[in-house]
Amino acid sequence: MFEQLGLIGCGLMGGSFALALKRAGLVKRVVGYSKSPSTTERARQMGVIDVEAPSALLAVSGADIVLLAVPVSATEATFKAIRHLVGPNTLIMDVGSTKRDVVDAARRVLGTNVGSFVPCHPITGKEVSGVEHADVELYAGKQVILTPIERTFTVQLQKATDLWTALGCHVLKMSPQAHDAAYAAVSHLPHLIAFALINGITGQDHGKDYMSLAGPGFRDFTRIAASDPKMWRDILIANREELLAQSKIFQETLQSLEQLISTSSGDVLEVLIEKASETRATWRISSQKSHK
């Protein structure tokens, strides 16, 4: 049980976290701050937070747990705003989709108290943003990746692990570097491709007509293109080295398939399609089992 959650960023991710903690009886009081006062007010009206704070620093005042639910590009500025009230007994977490840049910011700003910070990446979300979409079930049954560093306090890492587990999450631990490499491949690149595909189609003379004819397959494939633009701008830039490396691999693979199509090499093309199909089917089954 935590006495007070200092919530910085009362949007979808932060709001859902606060609701989940409250329902689980893991926190007595939530003090929230958002850059937009109307967001903070709305969060209070919805019961997401109990008290509106006029600044990030005051949201942290008296808190024994702090969650940063801000764009990854705002992480360092947020650390600077709160560092004077961060102590060795304060558990600080984030929900950013990139980790090396977040960890580097924590090292630069928090100094000896960097051990209080446990970097987190919950593998969940929605295509919509804002506190009005906060969902108490958003984290239930989802994976949460923790990326501690050598200076992370063992006690805080255990607290974070126990907290996410109590919310019904499956907790994994890996290095920030391994995290960013993996999610460049399975999250950041797919978003980049979805953005490019939509823009590529709509940039054509008859693009809108083509879109009007699209069916369920197109809808499923491009769902993530509706994601928050500012958030994804920050993620793609923050993880650009790993992302560009994955993009190069994708382009080479795509060109190989294009060459087979160009030369009408149907047998080889079928083998590669079958390989992808079997891999996807196997992954889907194993993924479902691991989340039961």
Protein backbone atom coordinates (compact mmCIF):
# COMPACT_ATOMS: atom_id res chain seq x y z
CA MET A 1 0.00 0.00 0.00
CA PHE A 2 1.31 3.40 -0.99
CA GLU A 3 0.27 6.56 0.80
CA GLN A 4 0.32 8.92 -2.18
CA LEU A 5 0.81 8.66 -5.92
CA GLY A 6 2.26 11.69 -7.61
CA LEU A 7 0.92 11.41 -11.16
CA ILE A 8 2.64 13.55 -13.75
CA GLY A 9 0.63 13.30 -16.94
CA CYS A 10 -3.07 12.60 -16.41
CA GLY A 11 -3.78 11.17 -19.86
CA LEU A 12 -4.66 7.69 -21.04
CA MET A 13 -1.67 5.85 -19.57
CA GLY A 14 -1.37 7.83 -16.35
CA GLY A 15 -5.10 7.98 -15.77
CA SER A 16 -5.52 4.25 -16.32
CA PHE A 17 -2.66 3.55 -13.90
CA ALA A 18 -4.25 5.68 -11.19
CA LEU A 19 -7.62 4.00 -11.65
CA ALA A 20 -6.03 0.55 -11.50
CA LEU A 21 -4.10 1.39 -8.32
CA LYS A 22 -7.23 2.73 -6.68
CA ARG A 23 -9.32 -0.30 -7.56
CA ALA A 24 -6.62 -2.65 -6.28
CA GLY A 25 -6.43 -0.73 -3.01
CA LEU A 26 -2.75 0.00 -3.55
CA VAL A 27 -2.84 3.75 -2.95
CA LYS A 28 -4.68 6.04 -0.53
CA ARG A 29 -4.39 9.33 -2.41
CA VAL A 30 -3.57 10.50 -5.93
CA VAL A 31 -2.23 13.97 -6.64
CA GLY A 32 -2.04 14.76 -10.32
CA TYR A 33 -0.46 17.31 -12.62
CA SER A 34 -0.76 17.82 -16.35
CA LYS A 35 0.60 20.54 -18.56
CA SER A 36 -2.98 21.44 -19.45
CA PRO A 37 -5.00 22.54 -16.39
CA SER A 38 -8.21 21.44 -18.11
CA THR A 39 -6.83 17.89 -18.29
CA THR A 40 -6.03 17.87 -14.59
CA GLU A 41 -9.47 19.25 -13.76
CA ARG A 42 -11.14 16.62 -15.93
CA ALA A 43 -9.09 13.90 -14.23
CA ARG A 44 -10.31 15.08 -10.83
CA GLN A 45 -13.92 15.21 -12.02
CA MET A 46 -13.62 11.62 -13.28
CA GLY A 47 -12.15 10.43 -9.98
CA VAL A 48 -8.83 9.57 -11.60
CA ILE A 49 -7.02 11.88 -9.17
CA ASP A 50 -8.06 13.25 -5.80
CA VAL A 51 -6.14 16.52 -5.84
CA GLU A 52 -4.99 18.82 -8.66
CA ALA A 53 -1.40 20.03 -8.36
CA PRO A 54 -0.35 23.33 -9.99
CA SER A 55 3.11 21.95 -10.85
CA ALA A 56 4.98 18.70 -11.29
CA LEU A 57 7.02 19.46 -8.18
CA LEU A 58 3.94 19.86 -6.01
CA ALA A 59 2.47 16.66 -7.42
CA VAL A 60 5.54 14.87 -6.06
CA SER A 61 5.44 16.60 -2.67
CA GLY A 62 4.56 13.97 -0.07
CA ALA A 63 4.42 11.14 -2.62
CA ASP A 64 6.04 7.78 -1.95
CA ILE A 65 5.37 6.66 -5.54
CA VAL A 66 5.64 8.80 -8.67
CA LEU A 67 4.60 7.92 -12.21
CA LEU A 68 5.84 9.89 -15.20
CA ALA A 69 3.26 9.49 -17.97
CA VAL A 70 4.62 12.17 -20.28
CA PRO A 71 6.03 12.09 -23.83
CA VAL A 72 9.54 10.64 -23.80
CA SER A 73 10.92 13.96 -25.06
CA ALA A 74 9.61 15.63 -21.89
CA THR A 75 11.23 13.15 -19.51
CA GLU A 76 14.41 15.09 -18.77
CA ALA A 77 12.56 18.36 -18.17
CA THR A 78 10.18 16.52 -15.84
CA PHE A 79 13.05 15.01 -13.86
CA LYS A 80 14.54 18.49 -13.49
CA ALA A 81 11.22 19.83 -12.25
CA ILE A 82 10.86 17.22 -9.50
CA ARG A 83 14.41 16.28 -8.52
CA HIS A 84 14.50 18.42 -5.35
CA LEU A 85 11.75 16.31 -3.79
CA VAL A 86 13.03 12.93 -4.95
CA GLY A 87 14.54 10.88 -2.15
CA PRO A 88 15.99 7.38 -1.80
CA ASN A 89 12.65 6.08 -0.52
CA THR A 90 10.61 7.44 -3.44
CA LEU A 91 9.68 4.92 -6.12
CA ILE A 92 9.71 6.65 -9.52
CA MET A 93 8.51 4.91 -12.67
CA ASP A 94 7.69 5.90 -16.23
CA VAL A 95 5.66 4.33 -19.03
CA GLY A 96 7.76 5.39 -22.01
CA SER A 97 8.13 3.24 -25.14
CA THR A 98 11.87 3.90 -25.34
CA LYS A 99 14.28 3.30 -22.51
CA ARG A 100 17.89 4.25 -23.27
CA ASP A 101 17.05 7.95 -23.67
CA VAL A 102 14.92 7.89 -20.52
CA VAL A 103 17.65 6.19 -18.51
CA ASP A 104 20.26 8.65 -19.81
CA ALA A 105 18.04 11.54 -18.73
CA ALA A 106 17.64 10.02 -15.26
CA ARG A 107 21.40 9.60 -14.90
CA ARG A 108 22.03 13.22 -15.88
CA VAL A 109 19.40 14.75 -13.63
CA LEU A 110 18.76 12.58 -10.58
CA GLY A 111 22.36 12.05 -9.49
CA THR A 112 22.66 9.85 -6.43
CA ASN A 113 18.89 9.35 -6.38
CA VAL A 114 18.83 7.70 -9.80
CA GLY A 115 18.51 4.40 -7.94
CA SER A 116 14.94 5.35 -7.03
CA PHE A 117 13.96 5.27 -10.70
CA VAL A 118 12.69 2.02 -12.20
CA PRO A 119 12.18 2.44 -15.97
CA CYS A 120 9.01 0.71 -17.16
CA HIS A 121 7.28 0.01 -20.46
CA PRO A 122 3.77 -1.42 -20.20
CA ILE A 123 2.93 -3.16 -23.47
CA THR A 124 -0.53 -1.70 -23.85
CA GLY A 125 -2.35 1.37 -25.08
CA LYS A 126 -5.06 2.61 -27.39
CA GLU A 127 -5.19 4.54 -30.64
CA VAL A 128 -6.93 7.33 -28.76
CA SER A 129 -5.37 9.57 -26.13
CA GLY A 130 -6.62 11.70 -23.28
CA VAL A 131 -7.88 11.13 -19.76
CA GLU A 132 -11.43 10.68 -21.03
CA HIS A 133 -10.27 7.33 -22.43
CA ALA A 134 -8.66 6.17 -19.16
CA ASP A 135 -9.48 2.51 -18.58
CA VAL A 136 -9.11 0.65 -15.30
CA GLU A 137 -8.53 -2.56 -17.27
CA LEU A 138 -5.83 -1.14 -19.57
CA TYR A 139 -2.95 -2.90 -17.80
CA ALA A 140 -4.70 -6.10 -16.73
CA GLY A 141 -3.08 -9.18 -18.28
CA LYS A 142 -0.50 -7.15 -20.18
CA GLN A 143 3.29 -7.43 -20.22
CA VAL A 144 5.34 -4.80 -18.43
CA ILE A 145 9.03 -4.54 -19.23
CA LEU A 146 11.30 -3.24 -16.46
CA THR A 147 14.75 -2.03 -17.52
CA PRO A 148 16.76 -1.45 -14.34
CA ILE A 149 20.35 -0.21 -14.45
CA GLU A 150 23.27 -1.13 -12.25
CA ARG A 151 22.43 1.71 -9.83
CA THR A 152 18.74 0.84 -9.45
CA PHE A 153 17.95 0.16 -5.79
CA THR A 154 17.00 -3.47 -5.24
CA VAL A 155 14.19 -2.50 -2.89
CA GLN A 156 12.63 -0.15 -5.45
CA LEU A 157 12.91 -2.71 -8.21
CA GLN A 158 11.09 -5.22 -6.01
CA LYS A 159 8.40 -2.68 -5.17
CA ALA A 160 7.84 -2.00 -8.87
CA THR A 161 7.72 -5.71 -9.64
CA ASP A 162 5.22 -6.37 -6.87
CA LEU A 163 3.06 -3.41 -7.87
CA TRP A 164 2.72 -4.36 -11.54
CA THR A 165 2.14 -7.99 -10.57
CA ALA A 166 -0.64 -6.91 -8.21
CA LEU A 167 -2.27 -5.11 -11.14
CA GLY A 168 -2.39 -8.42 -13.02
CA CYS A 169 0.58 -7.74 -15.28
CA HIS A 170 3.26 -10.13 -16.51
CA VAL A 171 6.58 -8.56 -15.51
CA LEU A 172 9.78 -9.07 -17.51
CA LYS A 173 13.20 -7.54 -16.97
CA MET A 174 15.83 -6.65 -19.57
CA SER A 175 18.48 -4.03 -20.23
CA PRO A 176 17.48 -0.68 -21.76
CA GLN A 177 19.58 -1.53 -24.82
CA ALA A 178 17.92 -4.92 -25.36
CA HIS A 179 14.51 -3.35 -24.90
CA ASP A 180 15.05 -0.65 -27.52
CA ALA A 181 16.44 -3.12 -30.04
CA ALA A 182 13.48 -5.47 -29.60
CA TYR A 183 10.78 -2.84 -29.73
CA ALA A 184 12.30 -1.14 -32.74
CA ALA A 185 11.52 -4.40 -34.54
CA VAL A 186 8.11 -5.32 -33.14
CA SER A 187 6.56 -1.94 -32.35
CA HIS A 188 8.32 1.11 -33.73
CA LEU A 189 8.92 -0.24 -37.25
CA PRO A 190 5.31 -1.47 -37.65
CA HIS A 191 4.08 2.00 -36.71
CA LEU A 192 6.48 3.59 -39.18
CA ILE A 193 5.26 1.25 -41.94
CA ALA A 194 1.61 1.96 -41.11
CA PHE A 195 2.19 5.72 -41.25
CA ALA A 196 4.05 5.39 -44.56
CA LEU A 197 1.42 3.12 -46.09
CA ILE A 198 -1.47 5.46 -45.28
CA ASN A 199 0.41 8.52 -46.54
CA GLY A 200 1.56 6.64 -49.64
CA ILE A 201 -1.99 5.69 -50.59
CA THR A 202 -3.61 9.03 -49.81
CA GLY A 203 -0.83 10.86 -51.65
CA GLN A 204 -1.98 9.31 -54.93
CA ASP A 205 -4.54 10.92 -57.22
CA HIS A 206 -7.15 8.26 -56.49
CA GLY A 207 -5.99 7.52 -52.95
CA LYS A 208 -9.25 8.46 -51.25
CA ASP A 209 -11.15 6.20 -53.65
CA TYR A 210 -8.79 3.33 -52.84
CA MET A 211 -9.27 3.90 -49.10
CA SER A 212 -13.05 3.75 -49.51
CA LEU A 213 -12.72 0.25 -50.92
CA ALA A 214 -10.52 -1.13 -48.13
CA GLY A 215 -11.79 -4.04 -46.04
CA PRO A 216 -11.09 -5.67 -42.65
CA GLY A 217 -7.53 -6.70 -43.56
CA PHE A 218 -6.55 -3.11 -44.31
CA ARG A 219 -8.32 -1.95 -41.15
CA ASP A 220 -6.41 -4.42 -38.98
CA PHE A 221 -3.07 -3.76 -40.65
CA THR A 222 -3.31 0.02 -40.40
CA ARG A 223 -5.02 0.34 -37.02
CA ILE A 224 -1.89 1.71 -35.36
CA ALA A 225 -1.61 4.52 -37.91
CA ALA A 226 -4.31 6.29 -35.88
CA SER A 227 -1.93 6.58 -32.91
CA ASP A 228 -1.03 9.85 -31.20
CA PRO A 229 1.21 11.88 -33.59
CA LYS A 230 3.27 13.75 -30.98
CA MET A 231 3.95 10.65 -28.92
CA TRP A 232 5.06 8.65 -31.93
CA ARG A 233 7.15 11.48 -33.32
CA ASP A 234 9.11 11.40 -30.07
CA ILE A 235 9.40 7.61 -29.99
CA LEU A 236 10.64 7.29 -33.58
CA ILE A 237 13.26 9.98 -33.11
CA ALA A 238 14.36 8.78 -29.68
CA ASN A 239 15.00 5.24 -30.95
CA ARG A 240 16.17 6.24 -34.41
CA GLU A 241 19.38 4.19 -34.50
CA GLU A 242 17.68 0.89 -33.74
CA LEU A 243 14.65 1.83 -35.83
CA LEU A 244 16.67 2.72 -38.92
CA ALA A 245 18.61 -0.54 -38.60
CA GLN A 246 15.34 -2.48 -38.55
CA SER A 247 13.97 -0.40 -41.41
CA LYS A 248 16.99 -1.34 -43.52
CA ILE A 249 16.41 -5.04 -42.85
CA PHE A 250 12.74 -4.63 -43.76
CA GLN A 251 13.54 -2.82 -46.99
CA GLU A 252 16.01 -5.54 -48.01
CA THR A 253 13.42 -8.23 -47.29
CA LEU A 254 10.75 -6.32 -49.20
CA GLN A 255 13.07 -5.90 -52.18
CA SER A 256 13.75 -9.65 -52.20
CA LEU A 257 10.02 -10.32 -52.39
CA GLU A 258 9.62 -7.68 -55.09
CA GLN A 259 12.33 -9.38 -57.13
CA LEU A 260 10.51 -12.71 -56.92
CA ILE A 261 7.28 -11.04 -58.04
CA SER A 262 9.10 -9.25 -60.87
CA THR A 263 10.52 -12.53 -62.18
CA SER A 264 7.29 -14.48 -61.56
CA SER A 265 9.14 -16.86 -59.24
CA GLY A 266 5.92 -18.18 -57.79
CA ASP A 267 7.29 -21.30 -56.12
CA VAL A 268 9.91 -19.44 -54.08
CA LEU A 269 7.46 -16.64 -53.32
CA GLU A 270 4.97 -19.19 -51.99
CA VAL A 271 7.63 -20.75 -49.75
CA LEU A 272 8.43 -17.37 -48.18
CA ILE A 273 4.75 -16.51 -47.73
CA GLU A 274 4.18 -19.90 -46.11
CA LYS A 275 7.14 -19.32 -43.79
CA ALA A 276 5.70 -15.97 -42.70
CA SER A 277 2.23 -17.45 -42.31
CA GLU A 278 3.45 -20.32 -40.12
CA THR A 279 5.59 -17.99 -38.01
CA ARG A 280 2.64 -15.67 -37.42
CA ALA A 281 0.31 -18.56 -36.55
CA THR A 282 2.82 -20.07 -34.12
CA TRP A 283 3.44 -16.69 -32.49
CA ARG A 284 -0.28 -16.07 -32.06
CA ILE A 285 -0.78 -19.39 -30.28
CA SER A 286 2.25 -18.97 -28.00
CA SER A 287 1.29 -15.38 -27.26
CA GLN A 288 -2.20 -16.38 -26.21
CA LYS A 289 -0.86 -19.13 -23.93
CA SER A 290 1.65 -16.80 -22.24
CA HIS A 291 -1.08 -14.29 -21.39
CA LYS A 292 -3.51 -16.74 -19.84
